Structures are given as C-alpha cells and as structure tokens.
N, C-alpha and C. Protein backbone atom coordinates (compact mmCIF):
# COMPACT_ATOMS: atom_id res chain seq x y z
N MET A 1 -7.94 -0.56 13.50
CA MET A 1 -7.81 -2.18 13.72
C MET A 1 -9.60 -2.51 13.80
N ASN A 2 -9.62 -3.66 13.81
CA ASN A 2 -10.94 -4.16 14.22
C ASN A 2 -10.99 -5.39 15.10
N LEU A 3 -11.93 -5.64 16.28
CA LEU A 3 -12.07 -6.82 16.74
C LEU A 3 -12.84 -7.63 15.76
N ALA A 4 -12.78 -9.16 15.52
CA ALA A 4 -13.66 -9.95 14.58
C ALA A 4 -13.86 -11.30 15.53
N ARG A 5 -14.69 -12.01 14.99
CA ARG A 5 -14.73 -13.67 15.47
C ARG A 5 -14.47 -14.38 14.13
N VAL A 6 -13.67 -15.18 14.08
CA VAL A 6 -13.45 -15.97 12.96
C VAL A 6 -14.63 -17.05 13.13
N LEU A 7 -15.04 -17.08 12.07
CA LEU A 7 -16.30 -18.23 11.46
C LEU A 7 -15.69 -19.33 11.03
N GLY A 8 -15.10 -19.20 10.01
CA GLY A 8 -13.90 -20.55 9.69
C GLY A 8 -13.14 -20.65 8.44
N PRO A 9 -12.69 -21.37 7.80
CA PRO A 9 -11.41 -20.99 6.92
C PRO A 9 -12.27 -21.11 5.33
N VAL A 10 -11.67 -20.63 4.78
CA VAL A 10 -11.97 -20.87 3.29
C VAL A 10 -10.69 -21.57 2.34
N VAL A 11 -11.25 -22.31 1.34
CA VAL A 11 -10.41 -23.06 0.59
C VAL A 11 -10.75 -22.55 -0.73
N ALA A 12 -9.64 -22.56 -1.35
CA ALA A 12 -9.76 -22.36 -3.04
C ALA A 12 -8.27 -22.78 -3.74
N THR A 13 -8.96 -23.56 -4.59
CA THR A 13 -7.60 -24.31 -5.32
C THR A 13 -7.34 -23.78 -6.24
N GLU A 14 -7.80 -22.67 -6.85
CA GLU A 14 -7.42 -21.66 -7.96
C GLU A 14 -7.18 -20.41 -7.27
N LYS A 15 -6.37 -19.27 -7.04
CA LYS A 15 -6.43 -18.10 -6.37
C LYS A 15 -5.01 -17.16 -6.56
N HIS A 16 -5.11 -16.08 -6.60
CA HIS A 16 -3.82 -15.30 -6.81
C HIS A 16 -2.69 -15.56 -6.17
N PRO A 17 -1.28 -15.47 -7.30
CA PRO A 17 -0.39 -15.87 -6.38
C PRO A 17 -0.11 -15.56 -4.72
N SER A 18 -0.67 -14.41 -4.71
CA SER A 18 -0.06 -13.66 -3.25
C SER A 18 -0.81 -14.41 -2.31
N PHE A 19 -1.71 -15.03 -2.93
CA PHE A 19 -2.07 -16.10 -1.64
C PHE A 19 -1.99 -17.15 -1.43
N VAL A 20 -1.22 -17.78 -2.10
CA VAL A 20 -0.49 -19.26 -2.14
C VAL A 20 0.23 -19.37 -0.88
N GLY A 21 0.19 -20.34 0.45
CA GLY A 21 0.78 -20.44 1.22
C GLY A 21 0.19 -19.78 2.22
N LEU A 22 -0.82 -18.94 2.38
CA LEU A 22 -1.40 -18.06 3.35
C LEU A 22 -2.98 -18.96 3.33
N LYS A 23 -3.41 -18.64 4.85
CA LYS A 23 -4.70 -18.94 5.25
C LYS A 23 -5.57 -17.92 5.15
N LEU A 24 -6.66 -18.23 4.56
CA LEU A 24 -8.02 -17.38 4.11
C LEU A 24 -8.88 -17.81 4.90
N LEU A 25 -9.51 -17.11 6.16
CA LEU A 25 -10.25 -17.22 7.20
C LEU A 25 -11.57 -16.12 6.52
N VAL A 26 -12.93 -16.81 6.95
CA VAL A 26 -13.74 -15.68 6.90
C VAL A 26 -13.96 -15.27 8.54
N VAL A 27 -14.07 -13.70 8.38
CA VAL A 27 -14.18 -13.18 9.94
C VAL A 27 -15.45 -12.34 10.20
N GLN A 28 -16.04 -12.30 11.29
CA GLN A 28 -17.44 -11.55 11.60
C GLN A 28 -16.91 -10.14 12.72
N PRO A 29 -16.91 -8.70 12.07
CA PRO A 29 -16.50 -7.91 12.77
C PRO A 29 -17.58 -7.87 14.08
N VAL A 30 -17.31 -7.66 15.33
CA VAL A 30 -17.73 -7.51 16.48
C VAL A 30 -17.23 -6.28 17.23
N ASP A 31 -18.28 -5.78 18.38
CA ASP A 31 -18.10 -4.60 18.74
C ASP A 31 -17.45 -4.96 20.15
N GLU A 32 -17.20 -3.94 21.20
CA GLU A 32 -16.45 -4.36 22.42
C GLU A 32 -17.24 -5.32 23.10
N LEU A 33 -18.39 -5.34 23.12
CA LEU A 33 -19.29 -6.43 24.40
C LEU A 33 -19.32 -7.54 23.12
N LEU A 34 -18.96 -8.21 21.83
CA LEU A 34 -18.70 -8.93 21.26
C LEU A 34 -20.04 -9.39 20.43
N ALA A 35 -20.36 -8.38 20.20
CA ALA A 35 -21.86 -8.21 19.58
C ALA A 35 -21.70 -8.22 18.11
N ASN A 36 -22.53 -9.09 17.40
CA ASN A 36 -21.86 -8.94 15.62
C ASN A 36 -22.09 -7.65 15.23
N LEU A 37 -21.51 -6.91 14.46
CA LEU A 37 -20.87 -5.93 13.68
C LEU A 37 -20.98 -5.79 12.38
N GLY A 38 -22.04 -5.34 11.72
CA GLY A 38 -21.81 -5.26 10.02
C GLY A 38 -21.71 -7.04 9.31
N LYS A 39 -21.19 -6.92 8.43
CA LYS A 39 -20.94 -7.86 7.37
C LYS A 39 -19.82 -8.66 7.54
N SER A 40 -19.69 -9.70 7.50
CA SER A 40 -18.31 -10.86 7.52
C SER A 40 -17.56 -10.77 6.39
N PHE A 41 -16.36 -10.74 6.47
CA PHE A 41 -15.11 -10.95 5.45
C PHE A 41 -13.99 -11.42 5.09
N LEU A 42 -13.49 -11.26 4.24
CA LEU A 42 -12.36 -12.47 4.36
C LEU A 42 -11.00 -11.45 4.62
N ALA A 43 -10.27 -12.78 5.65
CA ALA A 43 -9.24 -12.02 6.08
C ALA A 43 -8.02 -12.92 5.84
N VAL A 44 -6.45 -12.52 5.77
CA VAL A 44 -5.69 -13.61 5.40
C VAL A 44 -4.70 -13.82 7.05
N ASP A 45 -4.52 -14.76 7.45
CA ASP A 45 -4.11 -15.24 8.48
C ASP A 45 -2.31 -15.58 8.32
N HIS A 46 -1.54 -14.82 8.92
CA HIS A 46 0.03 -14.78 7.76
C HIS A 46 0.76 -15.61 9.28
N THR A 47 0.45 -15.04 10.41
CA THR A 47 1.24 -15.87 11.43
C THR A 47 0.65 -16.26 12.88
N SER A 48 -0.42 -15.92 13.20
CA SER A 48 -1.51 -15.59 14.39
C SER A 48 -1.83 -17.10 14.58
N GLY A 49 -1.93 -18.23 13.88
CA GLY A 49 -2.50 -19.37 13.91
C GLY A 49 -4.10 -19.27 14.08
N ALA A 50 -4.78 -18.26 13.92
CA ALA A 50 -6.15 -18.24 14.66
C ALA A 50 -7.03 -19.31 13.88
N GLY A 51 -8.16 -19.50 14.42
CA GLY A 51 -8.92 -20.88 13.94
C GLY A 51 -10.24 -20.41 14.49
N GLN A 52 -11.36 -21.00 13.99
CA GLN A 52 -12.76 -20.73 13.99
C GLN A 52 -12.89 -20.64 15.79
N GLY A 53 -13.90 -19.76 15.79
CA GLY A 53 -14.29 -19.43 17.20
C GLY A 53 -13.20 -18.05 17.80
N ASP A 54 -11.96 -17.91 17.32
CA ASP A 54 -11.17 -17.20 18.00
C ASP A 54 -11.36 -15.67 17.65
N LEU A 55 -11.23 -14.70 18.88
CA LEU A 55 -11.31 -13.59 18.63
C LEU A 55 -9.76 -13.14 18.36
N VAL A 56 -10.14 -12.19 17.14
CA VAL A 56 -8.60 -11.57 16.51
C VAL A 56 -9.02 -10.28 16.49
N LEU A 57 -7.53 -9.59 16.58
CA LEU A 57 -7.63 -8.25 15.83
C LEU A 57 -7.32 -8.15 13.99
N VAL A 58 -7.75 -7.65 13.54
CA VAL A 58 -7.69 -7.25 12.03
C VAL A 58 -7.31 -5.98 11.70
N LEU A 59 -6.30 -5.84 10.78
CA LEU A 59 -5.89 -4.79 10.40
C LEU A 59 -6.74 -4.64 8.75
N THR A 60 -7.61 -3.71 8.83
CA THR A 60 -8.26 -3.57 7.22
C THR A 60 -8.05 -2.37 6.46
N GLU A 61 -6.73 -2.31 6.55
CA GLU A 61 -6.59 -1.12 5.76
C GLU A 61 -5.02 -2.06 4.23
N GLY A 62 -5.57 -1.75 3.46
CA GLY A 62 -5.13 -2.55 2.40
C GLY A 62 -3.28 -2.08 2.39
N GLY A 63 -3.07 -0.80 2.28
CA GLY A 63 -1.56 -0.65 2.54
C GLY A 63 -1.04 -1.36 3.56
N GLY A 64 -1.71 -1.08 4.87
CA GLY A 64 -0.85 -1.53 6.11
C GLY A 64 -0.71 -3.30 5.66
N SER A 65 -2.07 -3.75 5.38
CA SER A 65 -1.76 -5.45 5.48
C SER A 65 -0.74 -5.50 4.35
N ARG A 66 -0.77 -4.98 3.12
CA ARG A 66 0.59 -5.31 2.38
C ARG A 66 1.62 -5.26 3.07
N GLN A 67 2.18 -4.42 3.84
CA GLN A 67 3.27 -3.63 4.65
C GLN A 67 3.83 -5.24 5.51
N VAL A 68 2.34 -5.65 6.64
CA VAL A 68 2.70 -6.25 7.39
C VAL A 68 3.06 -8.04 6.44
N LEU A 69 2.51 -7.97 5.23
CA LEU A 69 2.77 -9.26 4.43
C LEU A 69 4.31 -9.16 3.56
N GLY A 70 4.55 -7.98 3.62
CA GLY A 70 6.26 -7.52 2.78
C GLY A 70 5.73 -7.74 1.00
N ASP A 71 4.87 -7.64 0.91
CA ASP A 71 4.17 -8.06 -0.41
C ASP A 71 3.60 -6.47 -1.08
N LYS A 72 4.14 -5.70 -1.41
CA LYS A 72 3.54 -4.24 -2.11
C LYS A 72 2.54 -4.60 -3.18
N ALA A 73 2.71 -5.44 -3.77
CA ALA A 73 1.68 -5.86 -4.95
C ALA A 73 0.26 -6.71 -4.48
N ALA A 74 0.31 -7.12 -3.38
CA ALA A 74 -0.73 -7.89 -3.34
C ALA A 74 -2.11 -7.70 -3.17
N PRO A 75 -3.19 -8.55 -3.46
CA PRO A 75 -4.08 -7.62 -3.63
C PRO A 75 -5.23 -7.71 -2.42
N ILE A 76 -4.56 -7.67 -1.24
CA ILE A 76 -5.29 -8.04 0.02
C ILE A 76 -5.43 -6.85 1.15
N ARG A 77 -6.41 -7.04 1.63
CA ARG A 77 -7.10 -6.06 2.13
C ARG A 77 -7.13 -6.09 3.86
N ALA A 78 -7.04 -7.39 3.82
CA ALA A 78 -7.47 -7.51 5.74
C ALA A 78 -6.54 -8.70 5.87
N VAL A 79 -5.78 -8.26 7.05
CA VAL A 79 -4.61 -9.52 7.95
C VAL A 79 -4.98 -9.30 9.05
N ILE A 80 -4.91 -10.54 9.60
CA ILE A 80 -5.00 -10.76 11.04
C ILE A 80 -3.93 -10.64 11.75
N VAL A 81 -3.74 -9.52 12.76
CA VAL A 81 -2.48 -9.25 13.05
C VAL A 81 -2.31 -10.04 14.61
N GLY A 82 -3.49 -10.51 15.15
CA GLY A 82 -3.02 -10.92 16.74
C GLY A 82 -4.35 -12.00 17.14
N VAL A 83 -4.49 -12.85 18.25
CA VAL A 83 -5.31 -13.18 18.96
C VAL A 83 -5.75 -12.62 19.95
N VAL A 84 -7.13 -12.37 20.54
CA VAL A 84 -7.65 -11.49 21.42
C VAL A 84 -7.80 -12.46 22.51
N ASP A 85 -7.13 -12.76 23.92
CA ASP A 85 -7.19 -13.42 24.90
C ASP A 85 -8.56 -12.79 25.76
N GLN A 86 -8.37 -11.56 26.09
CA GLN A 86 -9.39 -11.27 26.81
C GLN A 86 -10.07 -9.79 26.02
N VAL A 87 -10.83 -9.02 26.63
CA VAL A 87 -11.63 -7.93 26.23
C VAL A 87 -11.98 -6.99 27.32
N THR A 88 -11.78 -6.09 28.29
CA THR A 88 -11.97 -5.41 28.91
C THR A 88 -12.63 -4.01 28.92
N VAL A 89 -13.89 -3.69 29.11
CA VAL A 89 -14.81 -2.87 28.71
C VAL A 89 -15.25 -2.06 30.56
N GLY A 90 -14.74 -0.49 30.25
CA GLY A 90 -15.12 -0.03 31.48
C GLY A 90 -14.12 0.22 32.43
C-alpha cells in the first residue's frame, strides 16, 4: 500500500464497463513526510468517499485491487482503501 494525495476527479463519458458507477481520482504518491514521490496515477475510489486534497491509502496490486472490488476481470490496478487522518513519524 502507498500513501497518496488526491489531486482531483477524472470524468469519462466512455469507459470500460468495470468502471461504471466507480469514482476515478488522480492521486499523487507521497512519502511519510508528505513530500511528492514519483508520478501521479489513476485510482478507483470504491467506498472511502475521498476527495480533492485528501490523504489516502492506495492498494496498487492489480490482483488485490480486483479482490477488493469483487471483480476478477476488471482492468483496475489501484484502489483507494482508506482516508488517512494523521501520519506520525518517529
């Protein structure tokens, strides 16, 4: 799992059937000090209700992501599995 900051939503009128009814968000990975880390990517928000600016936990293993969604055939690599309230280091 990775920490990431939600940059904003993605709106797509045409998409794979597996994405219908799911919220797509652009997320930016961050380190434990909340500094940007690597490139942003798309993640599905199934149940957390995350929005722009939220710090989230992202599962980035395709097989695990599909298990969370209950769809073995979905072409989904990343799923937001929680909203982080606080990070304490040290």
